[in-house]
Structure formats: C-alpha cells, structure tokens
C-alpha cells in the first residue's frame, strides 16, 4: 500500500535546491519528520532532525530507522571540487553511499537530482560520472527510483558561478529539456514526484520538471 511521505531523509539540505526543498517539506502538514544530515547546524524546527558532523555519512548513522522516502540533492562542479577525483567522490561515491544508507533505514522511494546529458558512455567527464551514478543507483534495485535531470539551475547562490550567471538569461529561453529551471521550481517538482505512486525507475527531463514545478 502506498503512503504519502511522512518520514523523509534529505541529503544536501544546505545546497541551492536542498534549501528550497527543506522549506517545502517542513511546511507540508503530512510530513512528520525530516532527517537532514549537514556539516553545519540548520535552523531548529519541531519536525527537523539535524545530525551534524564533518562526515555526512557518520552524521546520518546517528539517525534511527523509519524513513519512507529519501531525496538526494547533492552535487558539485569541477571548479568547486578542484579535481576529477574529488568531483567523483561527491557526485558518485557519496551519493551511492547515502542511497545505500537510506535503503537500510527503510526508504522505498529515492529521488535524486542528476543532470541533463547524464550518460555513462559520454566522452565528457561530468556527463559520464552523472551517468555512471544513475546506472549504479539503478543497480541498487530500489522499489521506486526517480531520477531528475535538470538543465542549468537558476537561483541565488552564496558563491556566484560566473558561467551560470552569463548563461542563465540565454538558457532560460531555450526550448524543451534544455531550458534552465529555477531551483525553487525543481524543489516543487521533486515533492510532486514523491507523491506519485509507482514502481521501478523513472527518469524525468527538465521540460517535465518545469511543468511539475509551476
């Protein structure tokens, strides 16, 4: 029997999309508990469980079982990570480890933010890692796995990214799945997708995400 998400794990709660999604989750009357492991403390909320520590996985281990839905909004860039190895540790290894923990905590539905162009056979390192992560998540055999592939993410960042600032006004008007999306839109879309009953894997491209996030 499908149940509306009530006990939720959110990885990446301090990121651009994660912040919007956390606000959304804590405002939903049906949500009883949000477990959001972070490196720095979040604002206290009655329904928020915020294990804090420099190692997100160790912080997550403080949480008890009873999760039904997990969101993973983690993601970096080559510039922020500093090297290919560091990028892959975040956008592949850490995401898979958190997904594995979520499954052990009882989650049956995982929603993960990937990226447009994810392809494990791509000649572009970024796209290839994203594709490899998607493939590895599918191999975990989730009862329900939703992979969101946004295009360029728009929204206020504490640390501005020059390329995104320049490309944003142009990509916002591109057609189909290539058009940019507001982080707040993506957060709304993720919540709506979490409410959909289903089995197996669903890959959602950016044009659909924008529609769901209206």
C-alpha atoms as a PDB file:
ATOM      1  CA  UNK A   1       0.000   0.000   0.000  1.00  0.00           C
ATOM      2  CA  UNK A   2       1.382   3.401  -0.969  1.00  0.00           C
ATOM      3  CA  UNK A   3       1.588   6.061   1.741  1.00  0.00           C
ATOM      4  CA  UNK A   4       2.139   9.805   1.484  1.00  0.00           C
ATOM      5  CA  UNK A   5       5.769  10.505   2.520  1.00  0.00           C
ATOM      6  CA  UNK A   6       5.891  11.164   6.252  1.00  0.00           C
ATOM      7  CA  UNK A   7       9.423  10.329   7.392  1.00  0.00           C
ATOM      8  CA  UNK A   8      11.939  11.754   4.984  1.00  0.00           C
ATOM      9  CA  UNK A   9      15.692  11.808   4.518  1.00  0.00           C
ATOM     10  CA  UNK A  10      17.112  14.854   2.756  1.00  0.00           C
ATOM     11  CA  UNK A  11      20.763  14.872   1.714  1.00  0.00           C
ATOM     12  CA  UNK A  12      22.102  18.204   0.508  1.00  0.00           C
ATOM     13  CA  UNK A  13      19.822  20.417   2.592  1.00  0.00           C
ATOM     14  CA  UNK A  14      22.246  23.366   2.515  1.00  0.00           C
ATOM     15  CA  UNK A  15      22.550  23.432  -1.288  1.00  0.00           C
ATOM     16  CA  UNK A  16      20.641  25.558  -3.778  1.00  0.00           C
ATOM     17  CA  UNK A  17      17.876  23.012  -4.398  1.00  0.00           C
ATOM     18  CA  UNK A  18      18.080  21.400  -0.967  1.00  0.00           C
ATOM     19  CA  UNK A  19      17.301  24.638   0.865  1.00  0.00           C
ATOM     20  CA  UNK A  20      14.112  25.148  -1.141  1.00  0.00           C
ATOM     21  CA  UNK A  21      13.111  21.510  -0.735  1.00  0.00           C
ATOM     22  CA  UNK A  22      13.707  21.579   3.027  1.00  0.00           C
ATOM     23  CA  UNK A  23      11.417  24.602   3.379  1.00  0.00           C
ATOM     24  CA  UNK A  24       8.810  22.787   1.320  1.00  0.00           C
ATOM     25  CA  UNK A  25       8.991  19.589   3.343  1.00  0.00           C
ATOM     26  CA  UNK A  26       8.776  21.371   6.699  1.00  0.00           C
ATOM     27  CA  UNK A  27       5.691  23.266   5.542  1.00  0.00           C
ATOM     28  CA  UNK A  28       3.811  20.120   4.496  1.00  0.00           C
ATOM     29  CA  UNK A  29       1.255  19.082   7.137  1.00  0.00           C
ATOM     30  CA  UNK A  30       1.609  15.391   6.239  1.00  0.00           C
ATOM     31  CA  UNK A  31       5.367  15.335   6.906  1.00  0.00           C
ATOM     32  CA  UNK A  32       6.133  14.193  10.438  1.00  0.00           C
ATOM     33  CA  UNK A  33       9.941  14.091  10.355  1.00  0.00           C
ATOM     34  CA  UNK A  34      12.738  15.266   8.105  1.00  0.00           C
ATOM     35  CA  UNK A  35      16.213  13.869   8.732  1.00  0.00           C
ATOM     36  CA  UNK A  36      18.764  16.234   7.188  1.00  0.00           C
ATOM     37  CA  UNK A  37      22.424  15.466   7.956  1.00  0.00           C
ATOM     38  CA  UNK A  38      24.640  18.516   7.438  1.00  0.00           C
ATOM     39  CA  UNK A  39      28.104  19.800   8.213  1.00  0.00           C
ATOM     40  CA  UNK A  40      26.736  22.947   9.855  1.00  0.00           C
ATOM     41  CA  UNK A  41      23.604  23.247  12.013  1.00  0.00           C
ATOM     42  CA  UNK A  42      20.299  24.171  10.431  1.00  0.00           C
ATOM     43  CA  UNK A  43      17.608  26.361  11.969  1.00  0.00           C
ATOM     44  CA  UNK A  44      15.744  24.418  14.645  1.00  0.00           C
ATOM     45  CA  UNK A  45      12.291  23.137  13.664  1.00  0.00           C
ATOM     46  CA  UNK A  46       9.921  20.823  15.508  1.00  0.00           C
ATOM     47  CA  UNK A  47       9.851  18.296  12.659  1.00  0.00           C
ATOM     48  CA  UNK A  48      13.540  18.525  11.733  1.00  0.00           C
ATOM     49  CA  UNK A  49      16.142  16.008  12.857  1.00  0.00           C
ATOM     50  CA  UNK A  50      19.533  17.518  12.035  1.00  0.00           C
ATOM     51  CA  UNK A  51      22.520  15.281  12.776  1.00  0.00           C
ATOM     52  CA  UNK A  52      25.607  17.469  12.366  1.00  0.00           C
ATOM     53  CA  UNK A  53      29.190  16.490  11.646  1.00  0.00           C
ATOM     54  CA  UNK A  54      32.079  16.912   9.201  1.00  0.00           C
ATOM     55  CA  UNK A  55      31.313  13.470   7.743  1.00  0.00           C
ATOM     56  CA  UNK A  56      27.723  13.375   6.452  1.00  0.00           C
ATOM     57  CA  UNK A  57      27.634   9.571   6.483  1.00  0.00           C
ATOM     58  CA  UNK A  58      28.716   9.381  10.121  1.00  0.00           C
ATOM     59  CA  UNK A  59      26.165  12.050  10.981  1.00  0.00           C
ATOM     60  CA  UNK A  60      23.490  10.040   9.205  1.00  0.00           C
ATOM     61  CA  UNK A  61      24.398   6.963  11.227  1.00  0.00           C
ATOM     62  CA  UNK A  62      23.010   8.779  14.268  1.00  0.00           C
ATOM     63  CA  UNK A  63      19.523   8.512  12.800  1.00  0.00           C
ATOM     64  CA  UNK A  64      17.103   5.754  13.678  1.00  0.00           C
ATOM     65  CA  UNK A  65      15.283   3.629  11.138  1.00  0.00           C
ATOM     66  CA  UNK A  66      11.848   4.536   9.853  1.00  0.00           C
ATOM     67  CA  UNK A  67      12.494   6.535   6.667  1.00  0.00           C
ATOM     68  CA  UNK A  68       9.990   6.005   3.851  1.00  0.00           C
ATOM     69  CA  UNK A  69      11.275   8.482   1.237  1.00  0.00           C
ATOM     70  CA  UNK A  70      14.750   9.858   0.508  1.00  0.00           C
ATOM     71  CA  UNK A  71      15.826  12.886  -1.500  1.00  0.00           C
ATOM     72  CA  UNK A  72      19.417  13.397  -2.623  1.00  0.00           C
ATOM     73  CA  UNK A  73      20.219  16.912  -3.819  1.00  0.00           C
ATOM     74  CA  UNK A  74      23.985  16.619  -3.545  1.00  0.00           C
ATOM     75  CA  UNK A  75      26.125  17.821  -6.403  1.00  0.00           C
ATOM     76  CA  UNK A  76      29.279  19.716  -7.150  1.00  0.00           C
ATOM     77  CA  UNK A  77      31.117  21.186 -10.118  1.00  0.00           C
ATOM     78  CA  UNK A  78      34.599  20.537 -11.405  1.00  0.00           C
ATOM     79  CA  UNK A  79      35.597  24.038 -10.342  1.00  0.00           C
ATOM     80  CA  UNK A  80      34.295  23.645  -6.795  1.00  0.00           C
ATOM     81  CA  UNK A  81      35.629  20.112  -6.358  1.00  0.00           C
ATOM     82  CA  UNK A  82      39.103  21.001  -7.632  1.00  0.00           C
ATOM     83  CA  UNK A  83      39.877  17.747  -9.410  1.00  0.00           C
ATOM     84  CA  UNK A  84      38.219  14.875 -11.233  1.00  0.00           C
ATOM     85  CA  UNK A  85      38.870  12.564  -8.286  1.00  0.00           C
ATOM     86  CA  UNK A  86      37.287  14.954  -5.779  1.00  0.00           C
ATOM     87  CA  UNK A  87      34.309  15.518  -8.059  1.00  0.00           C
ATOM     88  CA  UNK A  88      33.676  11.805  -8.409  1.00  0.00           C
ATOM     89  CA  UNK A  89      33.917  11.287  -4.639  1.00  0.00           C
ATOM     90  CA  UNK A  90      30.978  13.665  -4.198  1.00  0.00           C
ATOM     91  CA  UNK A  91      28.844  13.105  -7.287  1.00  0.00           C
ATOM     92  CA  UNK A  92      29.272   9.351  -7.418  1.00  0.00           C
ATOM     93  CA  UNK A  93      30.697   7.734  -4.289  1.00  0.00           C
ATOM     94  CA  UNK A  94      28.939   9.873  -1.674  1.00  0.00           C
ATOM     95  CA  UNK A  95      25.581   9.777  -3.454  1.00  0.00           C
ATOM     96  CA  UNK A  96      25.703   5.985  -3.711  1.00  0.00           C
ATOM     97  CA  UNK A  97      26.718   5.646  -0.056  1.00  0.00           C
ATOM     98  CA  UNK A  98      23.864   7.870   1.106  1.00  0.00           C
ATOM     99  CA  UNK A  99      21.404   5.967  -1.079  1.00  0.00           C
ATOM    100  CA  UNK A 100      22.589   2.722   0.465  1.00  0.00           C
ATOM    101  CA  UNK A 101      22.124   4.151   3.981  1.00  0.00           C
ATOM    102  CA  UNK A 102      18.650   5.391   3.082  1.00  0.00           C
ATOM    103  CA  UNK A 103      17.647   1.946   1.865  1.00  0.00           C
ATOM    104  CA  UNK A 104      18.859   0.404   5.114  1.00  0.00           C
ATOM    105  CA  UNK A 105      16.866   2.984   7.079  1.00  0.00           C
ATOM    106  CA  UNK A 106      13.749   1.724   5.336  1.00  0.00           C
ATOM    107  CA  UNK A 107      13.230   4.097   2.402  1.00  0.00           C
ATOM    108  CA  UNK A 108      11.372   2.599  -0.563  1.00  0.00           C
ATOM    109  CA  UNK A 109      11.481   5.650  -2.852  1.00  0.00           C
ATOM    110  CA  UNK A 110      14.650   7.551  -3.736  1.00  0.00           C
ATOM    111  CA  UNK A 111      14.524  10.826  -5.649  1.00  0.00           C
ATOM    112  CA  UNK A 112      17.910  12.058  -6.837  1.00  0.00           C
ATOM    113  CA  UNK A 113      18.990  15.185  -8.681  1.00  0.00           C
ATOM    114  CA  UNK A 114      21.212  14.224 -11.619  1.00  0.00           C
ATOM    115  CA  UNK A 115      21.835  16.431 -14.667  1.00  0.00           C
ATOM    116  CA  UNK A 116      20.826  16.865 -18.265  1.00  0.00           C
ATOM    117  CA  UNK A 117      23.068  14.862 -20.577  1.00  0.00           C
ATOM    118  CA  UNK A 118      23.944  12.188 -17.996  1.00  0.00           C
ATOM    119  CA  UNK A 119      25.412   9.287 -19.965  1.00  0.00           C
ATOM    120  CA  UNK A 120      27.797   6.621 -18.688  1.00  0.00           C
ATOM    121  CA  UNK A 121      29.344   6.330 -22.165  1.00  0.00           C
ATOM    122  CA  UNK A 122      29.846  10.077 -22.679  1.00  0.00           C
ATOM    123  CA  UNK A 123      33.262  11.412 -23.656  1.00  0.00           C
ATOM    124  CA  UNK A 124      32.669  14.341 -21.283  1.00  0.00           C
ATOM    125  CA  UNK A 125      33.809  13.539 -17.766  1.00  0.00           C
ATOM    126  CA  UNK A 126      30.979  15.390 -15.988  1.00  0.00           C
ATOM    127  CA  UNK A 127      28.238  13.728 -18.027  1.00  0.00           C
ATOM    128  CA  UNK A 128      29.928  10.346 -17.759  1.00  0.00           C
ATOM    129  CA  UNK A 129      30.126  10.473 -13.944  1.00  0.00           C
ATOM    130  CA  UNK A 130      26.483  11.526 -13.723  1.00  0.00           C
ATOM    131  CA  UNK A 131      25.542   8.628 -15.988  1.00  0.00           C
ATOM    132  CA  UNK A 132      27.633   6.159 -14.007  1.00  0.00           C
ATOM    133  CA  UNK A 133      25.923   7.324 -10.825  1.00  0.00           C
ATOM    134  CA  UNK A 134      22.483   6.836 -12.354  1.00  0.00           C
ATOM    135  CA  UNK A 135      23.406   3.350 -13.527  1.00  0.00           C
ATOM    136  CA  UNK A 136      24.805   2.385 -10.109  1.00  0.00           C
ATOM    137  CA  UNK A 137      21.685   3.668  -8.351  1.00  0.00           C
ATOM    138  CA  UNK A 138      19.528   1.552 -10.638  1.00  0.00           C
ATOM    139  CA  UNK A 139      21.656  -1.457  -9.705  1.00  0.00           C
ATOM    140  CA  UNK A 140      20.661  -0.943  -6.060  1.00  0.00           C
ATOM    141  CA  UNK A 141      17.213  -2.243  -7.058  1.00  0.00           C
ATOM    142  CA  UNK A 142      15.081   0.430  -5.441  1.00  0.00           C
ATOM    143  CA  UNK A 143      11.345  -0.320  -5.349  1.00  0.00           C
ATOM    144  CA  UNK A 144      10.885   3.191  -6.739  1.00  0.00           C
ATOM    145  CA  UNK A 145      13.696   5.355  -8.117  1.00  0.00           C
ATOM    146  CA  UNK A 146      13.104   8.804  -9.589  1.00  0.00           C
ATOM    147  CA  UNK A 147      15.998  10.494 -11.404  1.00  0.00           C
ATOM    148  CA  UNK A 148      15.571  14.202 -12.094  1.00  0.00           C
ATOM    149  CA  UNK A 149      17.701  15.647 -14.894  1.00  0.00           C
ATOM    150  CA  UNK A 150      17.550  19.446 -14.652  1.00  0.00           C
ATOM    151  CA  UNK A 151      19.267  21.731 -17.100  1.00  0.00           C
ATOM    152  CA  UNK A 152      21.038  24.841 -15.758  1.00  0.00           C
ATOM    153  CA  UNK A 153      19.830  25.673 -12.238  1.00  0.00           C
ATOM    154  CA  UNK A 154      18.852  29.262 -11.559  1.00  0.00           C
ATOM    155  CA  UNK A 155      18.690  30.892  -8.143  1.00  0.00           C
ATOM    156  CA  UNK A 156      20.646  32.879  -5.599  1.00  0.00           C
ATOM    157  CA  UNK A 157      23.875  31.232  -4.511  1.00  0.00           C
ATOM    158  CA  UNK A 158      26.111  32.352  -1.669  1.00  0.00           C
ATOM    159  CA  UNK A 159      29.016  31.922  -4.069  1.00  0.00           C
ATOM    160  CA  UNK A 160      28.159  33.115  -7.563  1.00  0.00           C
ATOM    161  CA  UNK A 161      29.179  30.971 -10.533  1.00  0.00           C
ATOM    162  CA  UNK A 162      30.289  33.152 -13.440  1.00  0.00           C
ATOM    163  CA  UNK A 163      29.361  30.688 -16.185  1.00  0.00           C
ATOM    164  CA  UNK A 164      25.856  30.242 -14.787  1.00  0.00           C
ATOM    165  CA  UNK A 165      25.391  33.995 -14.368  1.00  0.00           C
ATOM    166  CA  UNK A 166      26.273  34.558 -18.017  1.00  0.00           C
ATOM    167  CA  UNK A 167      24.411  31.565 -19.440  1.00  0.00           C
ATOM    168  CA  UNK A 168      21.270  31.866 -17.315  1.00  0.00           C
ATOM    169  CA  UNK A 169      19.461  34.594 -19.290  1.00  0.00           C
ATOM    170  CA  UNK A 170      20.062  32.689 -22.535  1.00  0.00           C
ATOM    171  CA  UNK A 171      19.280  29.156 -21.334  1.00  0.00           C
ATOM    172  CA  UNK A 172      16.124  30.301 -19.578  1.00  0.00           C
ATOM    173  CA  UNK A 173      14.524  30.706 -23.002  1.00  0.00           C
ATOM    174  CA  UNK A 174      15.798  27.536 -24.683  1.00  0.00           C
ATOM    175  CA  UNK A 175      13.087  25.096 -25.760  1.00  0.00           C
ATOM    176  CA  UNK A 176      12.344  21.642 -24.380  1.00  0.00           C
ATOM    177  CA  UNK A 177      14.565  19.929 -21.889  1.00  0.00           C
ATOM    178  CA  UNK A 178      17.472  22.322 -22.495  1.00  0.00           C
ATOM    179  CA  UNK A 179      15.790  25.322 -20.903  1.00  0.00           C
ATOM    180  CA  UNK A 180      17.093  26.382 -17.479  1.00  0.00           C
ATOM    181  CA  UNK A 181      14.995  25.852 -14.361  1.00  0.00           C
ATOM    182  CA  UNK A 182      14.645  27.773 -11.106  1.00  0.00           C
ATOM    183  CA  UNK A 183      15.839  25.856  -8.055  1.00  0.00           C
ATOM    184  CA  UNK A 184      12.516  26.574  -6.344  1.00  0.00           C
ATOM    185  CA  UNK A 185      10.695  25.037  -9.333  1.00  0.00           C
ATOM    186  CA  UNK A 186      12.810  21.920  -9.132  1.00  0.00           C
ATOM    187  CA  UNK A 187      12.093  21.590  -5.406  1.00  0.00           C
ATOM    188  CA  UNK A 188       8.338  21.775  -6.045  1.00  0.00           C
ATOM    189  CA  UNK A 189       8.664  19.216  -8.839  1.00  0.00           C
ATOM    190  CA  UNK A 190      10.576  16.808  -6.601  1.00  0.00           C
ATOM    191  CA  UNK A 191       7.867  16.963  -3.959  1.00  0.00           C
ATOM    192  CA  UNK A 192       5.141  16.306  -6.519  1.00  0.00           C
ATOM    193  CA  UNK A 193       7.112  13.369  -7.875  1.00  0.00           C
ATOM    194  CA  UNK A 194       7.446  11.995  -4.341  1.00  0.00           C
ATOM    195  CA  UNK A 195       3.652  11.923  -4.108  1.00  0.00           C
ATOM    196  CA  UNK A 196       3.321   9.771  -7.222  1.00  0.00           C
ATOM    197  CA  UNK A 197       2.872   6.073  -6.691  1.00  0.00           C
ATOM    198  CA  UNK A 198       4.985   3.882  -8.935  1.00  0.00           C
ATOM    199  CA  UNK A 199       7.462   1.057  -9.280  1.00  0.00           C
ATOM    200  CA  UNK A 200      10.851   0.852 -10.883  1.00  0.00           C
ATOM    201  CA  UNK A 201      12.855   3.657 -12.466  1.00  0.00           C
ATOM    202  CA  UNK A 202      11.555   6.942 -13.802  1.00  0.00           C
ATOM    203  CA  UNK A 203      13.845   9.481 -15.489  1.00  0.00           C
ATOM    204  CA  UNK A 204      12.368  12.970 -15.621  1.00  0.00           C
ATOM    205  CA  UNK A 205      13.834  15.510 -18.039  1.00  0.00           C
ATOM    206  CA  UNK A 206      13.879  19.246 -17.444  1.00  0.00           C
ATOM    207  CA  UNK A 207      10.865  20.219 -19.536  1.00  0.00           C
ATOM    208  CA  UNK A 208       8.678  17.926 -17.424  1.00  0.00           C
ATOM    209  CA  UNK A 209      10.319  19.181 -14.233  1.00  0.00           C
ATOM    210  CA  UNK A 210       9.431  22.763 -15.161  1.00  0.00           C
ATOM    211  CA  UNK A 211       5.803  21.784 -15.754  1.00  0.00           C
ATOM    212  CA  UNK A 212       5.593  19.960 -12.437  1.00  0.00           C
ATOM    213  CA  UNK A 213       7.229  22.862 -10.627  1.00  0.00           C
ATOM    214  CA  UNK A 214       4.752  25.533 -11.743  1.00  0.00           C
END
